[in-house]
Amino acid sequence: MPRSAFPTARTLLLYVLAAGLVAGTLDIAYATSFWGLKGVPPQRIGQSIAAGVLGKDAFAGGNGAAALGLFLHYVIATGMAAAYALVARRWPALIAHPVRYGLLYGLLLYALMTYVVVPLSAVPGGGGGGGALWIGCSIVAHAVLVGLPIALILRRGFGAGDRAHHSGYAADAR
């Protein structure tokens, strides 16, 4: 992708934020639905995320800990989108083939979260609960509900640079 075809930094930031918001919302909806069917209240999901920084104290932290967990969840999802965007600037195939690479990115994110981030966090026991059904559903959810929307939204964002370039409005679309 020629440098002049890149979207402006502001445009790309808006698409990264949108991708983080969409992926974060789909992922938290999946988690609260899955665990809700097992009788786990949504507050507990937020507390479980907050446990990454607060440890077991998150489960006694009430709504405040749940809100912190939700905030952290969206920060992480936005960071995932930003990472994809940064790599896509160097590797245009990520933008040219968003379905393939979005699904693969979701699988990579599942592996990183499950085998690196959560075990290194303050989550009691290093995470790892939920059984085979949770694991299988989570793998699919990360591919379809996290990686794929990030890739598709950012493809549109990178396309914004192309549209601006081709219409003559992108004098400085670096």
Foldseek 3Di string as FASTA:
>chain_A
DDPLLFAAPVLLLVLLLVLLVQLLVLVLVVVQVVVVVVVDHSLVVLLLQLCQAVPPVSVVVPNVSSVVSSVVSSVVLSVLLVVLLVVCVVVVVLLVPVLVQLLVSLLVVLCCVQPPSQLVGNYVPSDDDDDDVCSVVSSNCSRPRRSNSSSVSSSVSSNVSNVCVVVVNRPPRD
